[in-house]
Amino acid sequence: MKACPKCGSTNITKKFPQMDIWICKECGWEGTVIVDFPDESLKKMKEIEKAEKLGKEAEAVKKKERLEKKMKKLEKRMRRLGY
């Protein structure tokens, strides 16, 4: 699933269909590089946000730490690919 690299929103579209420029409808970010998250990671991010809203801080912190480790691995891969 594709997401905005600035805010993580999946509410993104191509600015012009014939060009590879994307725009985020949540934060207004525009650019050519988008983050392609595995669906599993986005699901976990949403679970963390929900847990934080419900006051389950300890659970949210643990999930967030695990997800941050996965995100660091993804960032390393992207850097190796030249992004």
C-alpha atoms as a PDB file:
ATOM      1  CA  MET A   1       0.000   0.000   0.000  1.00  0.00           C
ATOM      2  CA  LYS A   2       1.370   3.385  -0.927  1.00  0.00           C
ATOM      3  CA  ALA A   3       1.644   6.142   1.676  1.00  0.00           C
ATOM      4  CA  CYS A   4       2.872   9.702   2.124  1.00  0.00           C
ATOM      5  CA  PRO A   5       6.499   9.836   3.345  1.00  0.00           C
ATOM      6  CA  LYS A   6       5.746  12.914   5.464  1.00  0.00           C
ATOM      7  CA  CYS A   7       2.617  11.958   7.432  1.00  0.00           C
ATOM      8  CA  GLY A   8       2.072   8.275   6.554  1.00  0.00           C
ATOM      9  CA  SER A   9      -1.413   8.851   5.151  1.00  0.00           C
ATOM     10  CA  THR A  10      -2.663   6.503   2.447  1.00  0.00           C
ATOM     11  CA  ASN A  11      -4.862   9.277   1.082  1.00  0.00           C
ATOM     12  CA  ILE A  12      -2.525  10.089  -1.834  1.00  0.00           C
ATOM     13  CA  THR A  13      -3.091  10.415  -5.563  1.00  0.00           C
ATOM     14  CA  LYS A  14      -1.099  11.252  -8.640  1.00  0.00           C
ATOM     15  CA  LYS A  15      -1.158  14.974  -9.318  1.00  0.00           C
ATOM     16  CA  PHE A  16      -1.200  14.361 -13.058  1.00  0.00           C
ATOM     17  CA  PRO A  17      -2.007  10.876 -14.389  1.00  0.00           C
ATOM     18  CA  GLN A  18       0.742  11.008 -17.022  1.00  0.00           C
ATOM     19  CA  MET A  19       3.462  12.082 -14.535  1.00  0.00           C
ATOM     20  CA  ASP A  20       4.908  10.401 -11.473  1.00  0.00           C
ATOM     21  CA  ILE A  21       4.200  13.302  -9.103  1.00  0.00           C
ATOM     22  CA  TRP A  22       2.115  12.404  -6.058  1.00  0.00           C
ATOM     23  CA  ILE A  23       0.147  14.628  -3.676  1.00  0.00           C
ATOM     24  CA  CYS A  24      -1.045  13.862  -0.163  1.00  0.00           C
ATOM     25  CA  LYS A  25      -4.585  15.002   0.554  1.00  0.00           C
ATOM     26  CA  GLU A  26      -3.904  15.009   4.311  1.00  0.00           C
ATOM     27  CA  CYS A  27      -0.767  17.163   4.681  1.00  0.00           C
ATOM     28  CA  GLY A  28      -0.309  18.625   1.189  1.00  0.00           C
ATOM     29  CA  TRP A  29       3.058  16.955   0.512  1.00  0.00           C
ATOM     30  CA  GLU A  30       4.020  16.737  -3.166  1.00  0.00           C
ATOM     31  CA  GLY A  31       6.818  14.698  -4.660  1.00  0.00           C
ATOM     32  CA  THR A  32       7.975  11.794  -6.736  1.00  0.00           C
ATOM     33  CA  VAL A  33       8.981   9.338  -4.018  1.00  0.00           C
ATOM     34  CA  ILE A  34       6.240   7.603  -2.065  1.00  0.00           C
ATOM     35  CA  VAL A  35       6.553   4.947   0.600  1.00  0.00           C
ATOM     36  CA  ASP A  36       5.215   1.541  -0.300  1.00  0.00           C
ATOM     37  CA  PHE A  37       4.369   0.000   3.065  1.00  0.00           C
ATOM     38  CA  PRO A  38       3.392  -3.608   3.457  1.00  0.00           C
ATOM     39  CA  ASP A  39      -0.311  -3.688   4.362  1.00  0.00           C
ATOM     40  CA  GLU A  40       0.663  -5.290   7.681  1.00  0.00           C
ATOM     41  CA  SER A  41       2.694  -2.240   8.762  1.00  0.00           C
ATOM     42  CA  LEU A  42      -0.105   0.214   8.004  1.00  0.00           C
ATOM     43  CA  LYS A  43      -2.541  -1.946   9.926  1.00  0.00           C
ATOM     44  CA  LYS A  44      -0.220  -1.886  12.949  1.00  0.00           C
ATOM     45  CA  MET A  45       0.191   1.900  12.689  1.00  0.00           C
ATOM     46  CA  LYS A  46      -3.586   2.295  12.814  1.00  0.00           C
ATOM     47  CA  GLU A  47      -3.788  -0.064  15.815  1.00  0.00           C
ATOM     48  CA  ILE A  48      -1.219   2.093  17.626  1.00  0.00           C
ATOM     49  CA  GLU A  49      -3.191   5.275  16.951  1.00  0.00           C
ATOM     50  CA  LYS A  50      -6.380   3.586  18.162  1.00  0.00           C
ATOM     51  CA  ALA A  51      -4.691   2.289  21.345  1.00  0.00           C
ATOM     52  CA  GLU A  52      -3.299   5.763  22.074  1.00  0.00           C
ATOM     53  CA  LYS A  53      -6.767   7.283  21.703  1.00  0.00           C
ATOM     54  CA  LEU A  54      -8.272   4.670  24.025  1.00  0.00           C
ATOM     55  CA  GLY A  55      -5.665   5.333  26.697  1.00  0.00           C
ATOM     56  CA  LYS A  56      -3.805   2.050  26.301  1.00  0.00           C
ATOM     57  CA  GLU A  57      -0.440   3.753  26.420  1.00  0.00           C
ATOM     58  CA  ALA A  58       1.728   0.760  27.424  1.00  0.00           C
ATOM     59  CA  GLU A  59       0.330  -1.407  24.637  1.00  0.00           C
ATOM     60  CA  ALA A  60       0.705   1.403  22.118  1.00  0.00           C
ATOM     61  CA  VAL A  61       4.322   2.058  23.144  1.00  0.00           C
ATOM     62  CA  LYS A  62       5.304  -1.598  22.663  1.00  0.00           C
ATOM     63  CA  LYS A  63       3.666  -1.784  19.239  1.00  0.00           C
ATOM     64  CA  LYS A  64       5.221   1.517  18.257  1.00  0.00           C
ATOM     65  CA  GLU A  65       8.711   0.327  19.215  1.00  0.00           C
ATOM     66  CA  ARG A  66       8.339  -2.851  17.146  1.00  0.00           C
ATOM     67  CA  LEU A  67       7.064  -0.880  14.187  1.00  0.00           C
ATOM     68  CA  GLU A  68       9.904   1.647  14.451  1.00  0.00           C
ATOM     69  CA  LYS A  69      12.421  -1.199  14.176  1.00  0.00           C
ATOM     70  CA  LYS A  70      10.708  -2.419  11.011  1.00  0.00           C
ATOM     71  CA  MET A  71      10.614   1.114   9.617  1.00  0.00           C
ATOM     72  CA  LYS A  72      14.369   1.524  10.166  1.00  0.00           C
ATOM     73  CA  LYS A  73      14.969  -1.646   8.157  1.00  0.00           C
ATOM     74  CA  LEU A  74      12.727  -0.331   5.383  1.00  0.00           C
ATOM     75  CA  GLU A  75      14.550   3.022   5.374  1.00  0.00           C
ATOM     76  CA  LYS A  76      17.902   1.237   5.039  1.00  0.00           C
ATOM     77  CA  ARG A  77      16.584  -0.702   2.059  1.00  0.00           C
ATOM     78  CA  MET A  78      15.307   2.475   0.425  1.00  0.00           C
ATOM     79  CA  ARG A  79      18.692   4.185   0.908  1.00  0.00           C
ATOM     80  CA  ARG A  80      20.453   1.236  -0.703  1.00  0.00           C
ATOM     81  CA  LEU A  81      18.092   1.589  -3.678  1.00  0.00           C
ATOM     82  CA  GLY A  82      18.964   5.285  -3.959  1.00  0.00           C
ATOM     83  CA  TYR A  83      15.830   6.915  -2.481  1.00  0.00           C
END
